[in-house]
Amino acid sequence: KFGIFIHWGVYSVPAFGNEWYPRNMYIKGSKENLHHEEKYGTLDKFGYKDFIPQFKAEKFDPKEWAELFKEAGAKFVVPVAEHHDGFQMYASDLCRWNAAEMGPKRDILGELKTEVEKEGMVLGASTHRAEHYWFFNGGRQIPESDVNDPEYDDLYGPAAGISRDISSIYDNPPSEEHMQDWLVRTCEIVDKYQPSIVYFDWWIQQYAWKPYLRKFAAYYYNRSAQWGKETAIDAKFDAYVYGSAVNDLERGQLDHITPDLWQNDTSVAKNSWGYTVGNDYKKPSDVVLDLVDVVSKNGALLLNIGPKPDGTIPEEDAHILREMGKWLKVNGESIYGTRYWKVFGEGPTVVPEGHFTDTYDKHFTSEDIRFTSKSNHIYATVLHWPEDGEIHIKSLGNEMKLLKSSIKDIEILGTDLHPSYSRNKTLDISCGKVIEPGDMPVVLKITIE
């Protein structure tokens, strides 16, 4: 139901713009390019590779990270093993540009696996290697840039030999060589770290990838059977055929229940997945409300943080995680181990469906309620608690006829209160003014006969 995504890499050193800094710094006239040349010098003097020695991770403490994730209430953790920039955050035998040999000189993924699993959480791994095919192509337009130096072909990749316009990537399939390289790199992650989840970013839905996606799925799921553990692939759009992977919506949600588990991956910051100076952070309550809405529709929330280059987690990120943990400690039984109910919820506030919709402002009211269920309990989460403590739930009233059982008891999680109620056209619950209205949702545990 709830996991932690981690975007951490060399791009945390410049900490400017977002995690696409390595691409945009090579696009003449972009804000990243202008910033880069003013602060670090021209691209023949200081390229992306030159940030690697500054990426030291000297304060990285995987045990401390895992304890924070546990405190947040997370059940799974998905570090980015390789982002579009091509720098591997694990010990690779296939390329020298990895964290075990350069920069931190530590096997980041391996150390996280050890500590995450010690805390009883599940480890996944994310690879964005596919997009590396064209990621540095802006450097091809700058003859003096280090992208054009053959010495660094194994970092900057195919962009050193081709020109790609990102607007036409669907018309420009990757080479067989790149897809073969992607396949062996991804299988290396599987063999070395046995992740329970493998997450893929976009662009692998480009048609040319299909045979390689099948090869990888066969390899991964067969290896999983050998390990005797359940695993899953997370992917976007129609990259994988129905039933072979979990559908992932980037910064997006659904407006309905689907019987197939899906995932919303989003970040604590609105502007970036990685650490940048001056990140625009969400409120903790916004993230909790997203979690409640997603779970009510049979989804899971994968929440991203962006650590600093020294390996510390920014206090803003940690604050959001701790506040989520506080709420889940009280209300977690309405999330963990639950299933969706007959309807996901009710109320006037519309949650738009699709990718990149979860940063829209949503002004929930006391009429906005989300449901989950477990055993003989229905959990009705009130997204904005009313000042008078009066709750009216249409879906549980007699008129809609969704609940055919009688109600035995109602309690407010986190309290010893069992408010009075009557069931007429709506289920009317009188809680009084015992709870102060706040930003966080409140859960009513309804026990049925």
Protein backbone atom coordinates (compact mmCIF):
# COMPACT_ATOMS: atom_id res chain seq x y z
CA LYS A 1 0.00 0.00 0.00
CA PHE A 2 2.84 2.42 0.75
CA GLY A 3 6.46 2.47 -0.33
CA ILE A 4 9.42 4.83 -0.62
CA PHE A 5 10.98 5.80 -3.95
CA ILE A 6 14.53 7.26 -3.89
CA HIS A 7 15.95 9.50 -6.63
CA TRP A 8 19.58 9.94 -5.64
CA GLY A 9 22.55 10.31 -7.89
CA VAL A 10 25.20 12.60 -9.32
CA TYR A 11 22.48 15.11 -10.28
CA SER A 12 22.08 15.91 -6.56
CA VAL A 13 25.44 17.73 -6.68
CA PRO A 14 24.40 20.71 -8.85
CA ALA A 15 21.00 20.59 -7.06
CA PHE A 16 19.50 22.92 -9.65
CA GLY A 17 16.33 22.64 -11.72
CA ASN A 18 15.61 18.94 -11.29
CA GLU A 19 17.05 15.50 -11.94
CA TRP A 20 17.16 16.30 -15.67
CA TYR A 21 19.99 18.74 -15.06
CA PRO A 22 22.51 16.41 -16.80
CA ARG A 23 20.49 16.61 -20.00
CA ASN A 24 19.50 20.25 -19.84
CA MET A 25 22.98 21.53 -19.04
CA TYR A 26 23.92 20.53 -22.61
CA ILE A 27 21.00 22.37 -24.22
CA LYS A 28 22.26 25.81 -25.21
CA GLY A 29 20.28 28.66 -23.70
CA SER A 30 18.39 26.56 -21.15
CA LYS A 31 18.31 27.82 -17.57
CA GLU A 32 20.49 24.86 -16.57
CA ASN A 33 23.00 25.61 -19.32
CA LEU A 34 23.25 29.28 -18.37
CA HIS A 35 23.53 28.40 -14.69
CA HIS A 36 26.15 25.75 -15.39
CA GLU A 37 28.44 27.92 -17.48
CA GLU A 38 28.18 30.78 -14.99
CA LYS A 39 28.93 28.60 -11.95
CA TYR A 40 31.15 25.81 -13.29
CA GLY A 41 32.51 27.07 -16.59
CA THR A 42 32.11 26.06 -20.24
CA LEU A 43 31.28 22.46 -21.16
CA ASP A 44 34.74 21.75 -22.52
CA LYS A 45 36.16 22.61 -19.10
CA PHE A 46 33.47 21.09 -16.85
CA GLY A 47 31.08 18.42 -18.06
CA TYR A 48 28.63 16.20 -16.20
CA LYS A 49 31.35 13.64 -15.48
CA ASP A 50 33.17 16.27 -13.43
CA PHE A 51 30.40 16.27 -10.82
CA ILE A 52 31.14 12.63 -9.96
CA PRO A 53 34.14 13.30 -7.65
CA GLN A 54 31.91 15.75 -5.74
CA PHE A 55 29.28 13.06 -5.21
CA LYS A 56 30.89 11.64 -2.07
CA ALA A 57 27.93 10.41 0.04
CA GLU A 58 30.20 10.80 3.05
CA LYS A 59 27.26 10.92 5.48
CA PHE A 60 25.22 8.13 3.89
CA ASP A 61 23.92 5.84 6.63
CA PRO A 62 21.68 3.11 5.16
CA LYS A 63 20.66 1.95 8.63
CA GLU A 64 19.42 5.43 9.49
CA TRP A 65 17.54 5.64 6.19
CA ALA A 66 15.86 2.28 6.73
CA GLU A 67 14.81 3.23 10.25
CA LEU A 68 13.23 6.44 8.93
CA PHE A 69 11.36 4.55 6.21
CA LYS A 70 10.11 2.10 8.83
CA GLU A 71 9.01 4.99 11.05
CA ALA A 72 7.13 6.44 8.07
CA GLY A 73 5.11 3.25 7.81
CA ALA A 74 6.55 2.13 4.48
CA LYS A 75 6.40 -1.54 3.53
CA PHE A 76 8.64 -1.43 0.45
CA VAL A 77 11.57 0.69 -0.76
CA VAL A 78 12.54 1.29 -4.39
CA PRO A 79 15.89 3.07 -4.94
CA VAL A 80 16.74 4.26 -8.44
CA ALA A 81 19.52 1.88 -9.45
CA GLU A 82 20.28 3.82 -12.63
CA HIS A 83 18.72 7.04 -13.84
CA HIS A 84 18.77 8.51 -17.35
CA ASP A 85 22.28 9.85 -16.71
CA GLY A 86 23.79 6.37 -16.93
CA PHE A 87 25.53 6.43 -13.53
CA GLN A 88 24.84 3.16 -11.73
CA MET A 89 24.14 3.33 -8.00
CA TYR A 90 25.35 -0.23 -7.48
CA ALA A 91 28.39 -2.42 -8.05
CA SER A 92 28.30 -3.26 -11.74
CA ASP A 93 30.59 -5.57 -13.66
CA LEU A 94 29.44 -4.07 -16.96
CA CYS A 95 30.50 -0.42 -16.74
CA ARG A 96 33.06 1.58 -14.78
CA TRP A 97 30.67 4.51 -14.19
CA ASN A 98 29.15 3.19 -10.98
CA ALA A 99 29.01 4.23 -7.33
CA ALA A 100 31.14 1.34 -6.16
CA GLU A 101 34.09 2.47 -8.30
CA MET A 102 33.59 6.24 -8.46
CA GLY A 103 32.12 9.00 -6.32
CA PRO A 104 30.97 7.36 -3.06
CA LYS A 105 32.90 4.16 -3.84
CA ARG A 106 30.13 2.20 -2.11
CA ASP A 107 27.52 -0.26 -3.31
CA ILE A 108 24.55 1.97 -2.50
CA LEU A 109 21.87 -0.47 -3.64
CA GLY A 110 23.50 -3.39 -1.86
CA GLU A 111 23.86 -1.53 1.44
CA LEU A 112 20.25 -0.38 1.28
CA LYS A 113 19.06 -3.90 0.57
CA THR A 114 20.74 -5.18 3.73
CA GLU A 115 19.26 -2.54 6.02
CA VAL A 116 15.82 -2.35 4.41
CA GLU A 117 15.34 -6.10 4.71
CA LYS A 118 16.59 -6.06 8.31
CA GLU A 119 13.67 -3.74 9.07
CA GLY A 120 11.22 -6.18 7.50
CA MET A 121 10.56 -4.11 4.38
CA VAL A 122 10.73 -5.25 0.78
CA LEU A 123 13.44 -3.97 -1.59
CA GLY A 124 12.78 -3.05 -5.19
CA ALA A 125 14.95 -1.38 -7.82
CA SER A 126 14.21 1.19 -10.48
CA THR A 127 16.02 1.47 -13.81
CA HIS A 128 15.64 4.37 -16.24
CA ARG A 129 18.38 3.11 -18.52
CA ALA A 130 16.18 3.03 -21.63
CA GLU A 131 16.04 6.84 -21.89
CA HIS A 132 19.82 7.06 -21.76
CA TYR A 133 19.77 6.40 -25.51
CA TRP A 134 19.04 10.04 -26.28
CA PHE A 135 19.49 11.73 -22.89
CA PHE A 136 22.75 13.55 -23.65
CA ASN A 137 22.00 14.34 -27.28
CA GLY A 138 22.13 18.08 -26.64
CA GLY A 139 25.87 17.70 -26.18
CA ARG A 140 26.18 16.62 -29.82
CA GLN A 141 25.23 20.14 -30.84
CA ILE A 142 28.09 21.60 -28.82
CA PRO A 143 31.29 20.41 -30.54
CA GLU A 144 33.54 21.36 -27.64
CA SER A 145 31.49 19.49 -25.00
CA ASP A 146 32.85 16.34 -23.37
CA VAL A 147 29.86 14.37 -24.73
CA ASN A 148 31.79 14.30 -28.01
CA ASP A 149 35.01 12.99 -26.45
CA PRO A 150 35.39 9.25 -27.30
CA GLU A 151 37.04 8.71 -23.92
CA TYR A 152 33.63 9.12 -22.29
CA ASP A 153 31.47 7.16 -24.71
CA ASP A 154 30.79 4.59 -22.01
CA LEU A 155 29.19 7.29 -19.85
CA TYR A 156 27.36 9.46 -22.36
CA GLY A 157 26.34 6.57 -24.54
CA PRO A 158 24.72 6.66 -27.98
CA ALA A 159 24.17 10.42 -27.72
CA ALA A 160 27.86 10.74 -28.55
CA GLY A 161 27.20 9.39 -32.03
CA ILE A 162 23.66 10.40 -32.96
CA SER A 163 21.35 13.36 -32.80
CA ARG A 164 17.95 12.93 -31.19
CA ASP A 165 15.13 15.39 -30.79
CA ILE A 166 13.17 14.42 -27.69
CA SER A 167 9.93 15.46 -29.37
CA SER A 168 10.32 12.68 -31.93
CA ILE A 169 11.53 9.82 -29.76
CA TYR A 170 8.55 7.65 -30.72
CA ASP A 171 9.65 7.86 -34.34
CA ASN A 172 13.26 7.00 -33.55
CA PRO A 173 13.56 3.48 -32.13
CA PRO A 174 16.68 2.62 -30.15
CA SER A 175 19.43 0.51 -31.67
CA GLU A 176 19.66 -3.22 -31.06
CA GLU A 177 22.97 -2.62 -29.33
CA HIS A 178 21.37 -0.25 -26.82
CA MET A 179 18.48 -2.60 -26.11
CA GLN A 180 20.84 -5.54 -25.61
CA ASP A 181 22.91 -3.42 -23.23
CA TRP A 182 19.70 -2.46 -21.37
CA LEU A 183 18.73 -6.11 -21.07
CA VAL A 184 22.01 -7.33 -19.61
CA ARG A 185 22.25 -4.39 -17.22
CA THR A 186 18.74 -4.98 -15.94
CA CYS A 187 19.35 -8.71 -15.57
CA GLU A 188 22.54 -7.92 -13.64
CA ILE A 189 20.45 -5.99 -11.10
CA VAL A 190 18.09 -8.96 -10.82
CA ASP A 191 20.88 -11.49 -10.29
CA LYS A 192 22.92 -9.41 -7.85
CA TYR A 193 20.17 -7.95 -5.68
CA GLN A 194 17.07 -10.13 -6.15
CA PRO A 195 14.67 -7.15 -6.00
CA SER A 196 11.04 -7.94 -5.30
CA ILE A 197 9.99 -5.11 -7.62
CA VAL A 198 11.57 -3.85 -10.82
CA TYR A 199 10.26 -0.45 -11.83
CA PHE A 200 10.65 0.98 -15.34
CA ASP A 201 10.20 4.58 -16.34
CA TRP A 202 8.51 5.68 -19.57
CA TRP A 203 9.76 5.27 -23.18
CA ILE A 204 10.06 1.51 -22.92
CA GLN A 205 6.54 1.51 -24.36
CA GLN A 206 8.21 2.48 -27.66
CA TYR A 207 7.29 -0.44 -29.95
CA ALA A 208 10.86 -1.58 -30.67
CA TRP A 209 11.31 -2.50 -27.00
CA LYS A 210 8.54 -5.11 -26.96
CA PRO A 211 10.69 -8.22 -27.65
CA TYR A 212 13.20 -7.12 -25.01
CA LEU A 213 10.50 -6.43 -22.45
CA ARG A 214 9.23 -9.98 -22.94
CA LYS A 215 12.74 -11.39 -22.60
CA PHE A 216 13.28 -9.49 -19.39
CA ALA A 217 9.92 -10.48 -17.89
CA ALA A 218 10.58 -14.14 -18.67
CA TYR A 219 14.04 -13.95 -17.13
CA TYR A 220 12.92 -12.06 -14.01
CA TYR A 221 9.83 -14.11 -13.27
CA ASN A 222 11.68 -17.39 -13.85
CA ARG A 223 14.46 -16.29 -11.52
CA SER A 224 11.80 -15.31 -8.97
CA ALA A 225 10.37 -18.82 -9.13
CA GLN A 226 13.87 -20.18 -8.45
CA TRP A 227 14.20 -17.88 -5.44
CA GLY A 228 10.75 -18.89 -4.21
CA LYS A 229 9.54 -15.31 -3.82
CA GLU A 230 6.78 -13.19 -5.30
CA THR A 231 7.91 -10.33 -7.53
CA ALA A 232 6.38 -7.73 -9.80
CA ILE A 233 7.28 -5.41 -12.63
CA ASP A 234 5.98 -1.83 -12.45
CA ALA A 235 5.52 -0.12 -15.81
CA LYS A 236 3.63 2.74 -17.44
CA PHE A 237 1.18 2.98 -20.34
CA ASP A 238 1.01 -0.16 -22.49
CA ALA A 239 4.66 -1.15 -22.14
CA TYR A 240 3.61 -4.55 -20.80
CA VAL A 241 0.56 -6.55 -21.78
CA TYR A 242 -2.36 -6.78 -19.37
CA GLY A 243 -1.69 -8.97 -16.37
CA SER A 244 2.09 -9.15 -16.69
CA ALA A 245 2.96 -5.98 -14.77
CA VAL A 246 1.53 -3.47 -12.32
CA ASN A 247 0.19 -0.36 -14.03
CA ASP A 248 1.98 2.75 -12.79
CA LEU A 249 0.74 6.33 -13.07
CA GLU A 250 3.44 8.98 -12.70
CA ARG A 251 2.24 11.72 -10.38
CA GLY A 252 -1.24 10.52 -11.28
CA GLN A 253 -4.36 8.91 -9.92
CA LEU A 254 -7.52 7.14 -11.00
CA ASP A 255 -11.07 8.41 -10.61
CA HIS A 256 -12.50 4.93 -10.11
CA ILE A 257 -11.86 1.50 -8.59
CA THR A 258 -10.02 -1.04 -10.68
CA PRO A 259 -9.86 -4.69 -9.54
CA ASP A 260 -6.25 -4.79 -10.75
CA LEU A 261 -3.66 -3.40 -8.37
CA TRP A 262 -2.14 -0.17 -9.67
CA GLN A 263 0.44 2.28 -8.40
CA ASN A 264 0.78 6.04 -8.10
CA ASP A 265 4.39 7.15 -7.98
CA THR A 266 4.85 10.72 -6.83
CA SER A 267 7.29 12.86 -4.91
CA VAL A 268 7.38 14.92 -1.73
CA ALA A 269 8.37 17.87 -3.94
CA LYS A 270 6.23 19.25 -6.74
CA ASN A 271 9.09 20.47 -8.94
CA SER A 272 11.68 17.71 -8.82
CA TRP A 273 12.30 14.05 -8.04
CA GLY A 274 15.88 14.71 -6.97
CA TYR A 275 17.27 17.09 -4.37
CA THR A 276 17.47 20.72 -5.43
CA VAL A 277 18.02 23.89 -3.44
CA GLY A 278 14.60 25.42 -2.83
CA ASN A 279 12.40 22.40 -3.61
CA ASP A 280 8.67 23.18 -3.62
CA TYR A 281 7.39 20.73 -1.01
CA LYS A 282 3.91 19.36 -0.51
CA LYS A 283 2.25 19.47 2.90
CA PRO A 284 2.32 16.18 4.81
CA SER A 285 -1.48 16.16 4.83
CA ASP A 286 -1.55 16.38 1.01
CA VAL A 287 0.49 13.18 0.80
CA VAL A 288 -1.65 11.37 3.38
CA LEU A 289 -4.81 12.39 1.52
CA ASP A 290 -3.31 11.03 -1.70
CA LEU A 291 -2.51 7.75 0.07
CA VAL A 292 -6.08 7.41 1.33
CA ASP A 293 -7.57 8.18 -2.08
CA VAL A 294 -5.21 5.83 -3.93
CA VAL A 295 -5.77 2.89 -1.56
CA SER A 296 -9.56 3.33 -1.74
CA LYS A 297 -9.28 2.63 -5.48
CA ASN A 298 -7.08 -0.47 -5.06
CA GLY A 299 -3.82 1.37 -5.58
CA ALA A 300 -0.47 1.66 -3.84
CA LEU A 301 1.46 4.88 -3.23
CA LEU A 302 5.18 5.00 -4.04
CA LEU A 303 6.42 8.25 -2.47
CA ASN A 304 9.74 9.66 -3.59
CA ILE A 305 12.41 11.50 -1.61
CA GLY A 306 15.59 13.16 -2.89
CA PRO A 307 18.67 12.88 -0.64
CA LYS A 308 21.53 15.39 -0.68
CA PRO A 309 24.90 14.53 -2.28
CA ASP A 310 26.44 13.90 1.13
CA GLY A 311 23.89 11.16 1.79
CA THR A 312 21.67 13.00 4.24
CA ILE A 313 17.91 13.14 3.76
CA PRO A 314 16.70 16.77 3.73
CA GLU A 315 14.78 17.72 6.84
CA GLU A 316 11.75 18.68 4.75
CA ASP A 317 11.62 15.18 3.24
CA ALA A 318 12.12 13.55 6.63
CA HIS A 319 9.41 15.72 8.20
CA ILE A 320 6.84 14.58 5.64
CA LEU A 321 7.78 10.93 6.22
CA ARG A 322 7.55 11.26 9.99
CA GLU A 323 4.16 12.96 9.81
CA MET A 324 2.92 10.15 7.57
CA GLY A 325 4.24 7.67 10.10
CA LYS A 326 2.38 9.39 12.93
CA TRP A 327 -0.89 9.22 11.01
CA LEU A 328 -0.37 5.60 9.96
CA LYS A 329 0.51 4.56 13.50
CA VAL A 330 -3.00 5.60 14.52
CA ASN A 331 -4.91 4.85 11.33
CA GLY A 332 -2.85 2.19 9.59
CA GLU A 333 -5.47 -0.52 10.02
CA SER A 334 -7.61 1.40 7.48
CA ILE A 335 -4.75 1.08 4.95
CA TYR A 336 -2.69 -2.06 5.49
CA GLY A 337 -4.24 -5.36 4.54
CA THR A 338 -7.46 -3.73 3.36
CA ARG A 339 -9.44 -4.12 0.18
CA TYR A 340 -11.52 -1.64 -1.71
CA TRP A 341 -15.21 -1.53 -0.82
CA LYS A 342 -18.25 -1.42 -3.17
CA VAL A 343 -17.55 2.24 -3.96
CA PHE A 344 -14.27 4.06 -3.39
CA GLY A 345 -15.96 7.02 -1.77
CA GLU A 346 -18.29 9.95 -2.11
CA GLY A 347 -18.29 13.73 -2.03
CA PRO A 348 -18.18 16.75 -4.33
CA THR A 349 -14.43 17.10 -4.83
CA VAL A 350 -13.18 15.65 -8.11
CA VAL A 351 -9.82 13.89 -8.21
CA PRO A 352 -8.72 14.11 -11.86
CA GLU A 353 -7.54 10.94 -13.56
CA GLY A 354 -4.31 10.50 -15.47
CA HIS A 355 -0.58 11.10 -15.27
CA PHE A 356 0.70 14.36 -13.74
CA THR A 357 -2.56 15.23 -12.01
CA ASP A 358 -1.75 14.73 -8.33
CA THR A 359 -0.26 18.21 -7.86
CA TYR A 360 -3.60 19.86 -8.66
CA ASP A 361 -5.09 21.60 -5.64
CA LYS A 362 -7.88 19.55 -4.12
CA HIS A 363 -10.01 21.28 -1.53
CA PHE A 364 -11.70 18.41 0.26
CA THR A 365 -14.81 18.94 2.35
CA SER A 366 -16.45 17.00 5.18
CA GLU A 367 -18.64 15.36 2.52
CA ASP A 368 -15.55 13.84 0.89
CA ILE A 369 -15.17 10.34 2.28
CA ARG A 370 -13.10 7.32 1.19
CA PHE A 371 -13.80 3.67 2.00
CA THR A 372 -11.70 0.57 2.56
CA SER A 373 -12.73 -2.75 4.09
CA LYS A 374 -11.33 -5.66 6.07
CA SER A 375 -13.18 -8.60 7.58
CA ASN A 376 -16.41 -7.25 9.09
CA HIS A 377 -15.16 -3.66 9.16
CA ILE A 378 -15.67 -0.74 6.81
CA TYR A 379 -13.29 2.17 7.25
CA ALA A 380 -14.79 5.53 6.31
CA THR A 381 -12.07 8.15 6.14
CA VAL A 382 -13.36 11.70 6.39
CA LEU A 383 -10.96 13.81 4.35
CA HIS A 384 -11.79 17.08 6.12
CA TRP A 385 -13.26 16.90 9.60
CA PRO A 386 -16.25 19.21 10.19
CA GLU A 387 -16.23 21.71 13.07
CA ASP A 388 -19.55 20.46 14.45
CA GLY A 389 -18.50 16.79 14.30
CA GLU A 390 -21.60 15.81 12.32
CA ILE A 391 -20.96 13.27 9.55
CA HIS A 392 -23.50 12.18 6.95
CA ILE A 393 -22.56 9.24 4.72
CA LYS A 394 -24.83 8.58 1.76
CA SER A 395 -23.23 5.30 0.69
CA LEU A 396 -23.96 3.68 4.07
CA GLY A 397 -27.53 4.95 4.37
CA ASN A 398 -30.68 3.01 3.62
CA GLU A 399 -31.47 4.77 0.35
CA MET A 400 -28.45 3.60 -1.67
CA LYS A 401 -28.79 0.01 -0.41
CA LEU A 402 -25.06 -0.68 -0.70
CA LEU A 403 -24.81 -1.93 2.88
CA LYS A 404 -27.32 -4.67 3.51
CA SER A 405 -25.92 -5.64 6.92
CA SER A 406 -26.73 -3.84 10.13
CA ILE A 407 -24.16 -1.74 11.95
CA LYS A 408 -22.90 -3.04 15.28
CA ASP A 409 -20.54 -0.27 16.33
CA ILE A 410 -18.67 2.85 15.19
CA GLU A 411 -15.45 4.14 16.66
CA ILE A 412 -13.02 6.91 15.80
CA LEU A 413 -9.51 5.49 15.37
CA GLY A 414 -6.98 6.99 17.75
CA THR A 415 -9.63 7.71 20.38
CA ASP A 416 -11.85 5.77 22.74
CA LEU A 417 -14.92 7.45 21.28
CA HIS A 418 -17.91 5.45 20.06
CA PRO A 419 -20.20 8.16 18.66
CA SER A 420 -23.96 7.82 18.41
CA TYR A 421 -25.46 7.20 15.01
CA SER A 422 -28.71 6.63 13.16
CA ARG A 423 -29.27 5.09 9.80
CA ASN A 424 -31.90 6.66 7.64
CA LYS A 425 -31.54 8.10 4.14
CA THR A 426 -27.90 8.59 5.13
CA LEU A 427 -25.78 7.19 7.94
CA ASP A 428 -25.76 10.10 10.39
CA ILE A 429 -22.95 10.09 12.96
CA SER A 430 -22.83 12.60 15.81
CA CYS A 431 -19.30 12.95 17.11
CA GLY A 432 -19.67 16.32 18.83
CA LYS A 433 -16.84 18.81 19.05
CA VAL A 434 -14.37 16.35 20.53
CA ILE A 435 -11.96 16.45 17.57
CA GLU A 436 -10.35 19.66 16.43
CA PRO A 437 -10.59 20.09 12.65
CA GLY A 438 -7.16 19.90 11.03
CA ASP A 439 -5.39 19.06 7.79
CA MET A 440 -5.19 15.33 8.42
CA PRO A 441 -8.10 12.98 7.63
CA VAL A 442 -9.98 11.15 10.39
CA VAL A 443 -10.99 7.48 10.20
CA LEU A 444 -14.29 6.01 11.35
CA LYS A 445 -14.13 2.25 11.95
CA ILE A 446 -17.56 0.80 11.28
CA THR A 447 -18.20 -2.74 12.50
CA ILE A 448 -21.03 -4.59 10.79
CA GLU A 449 -23.02 -7.61 11.96
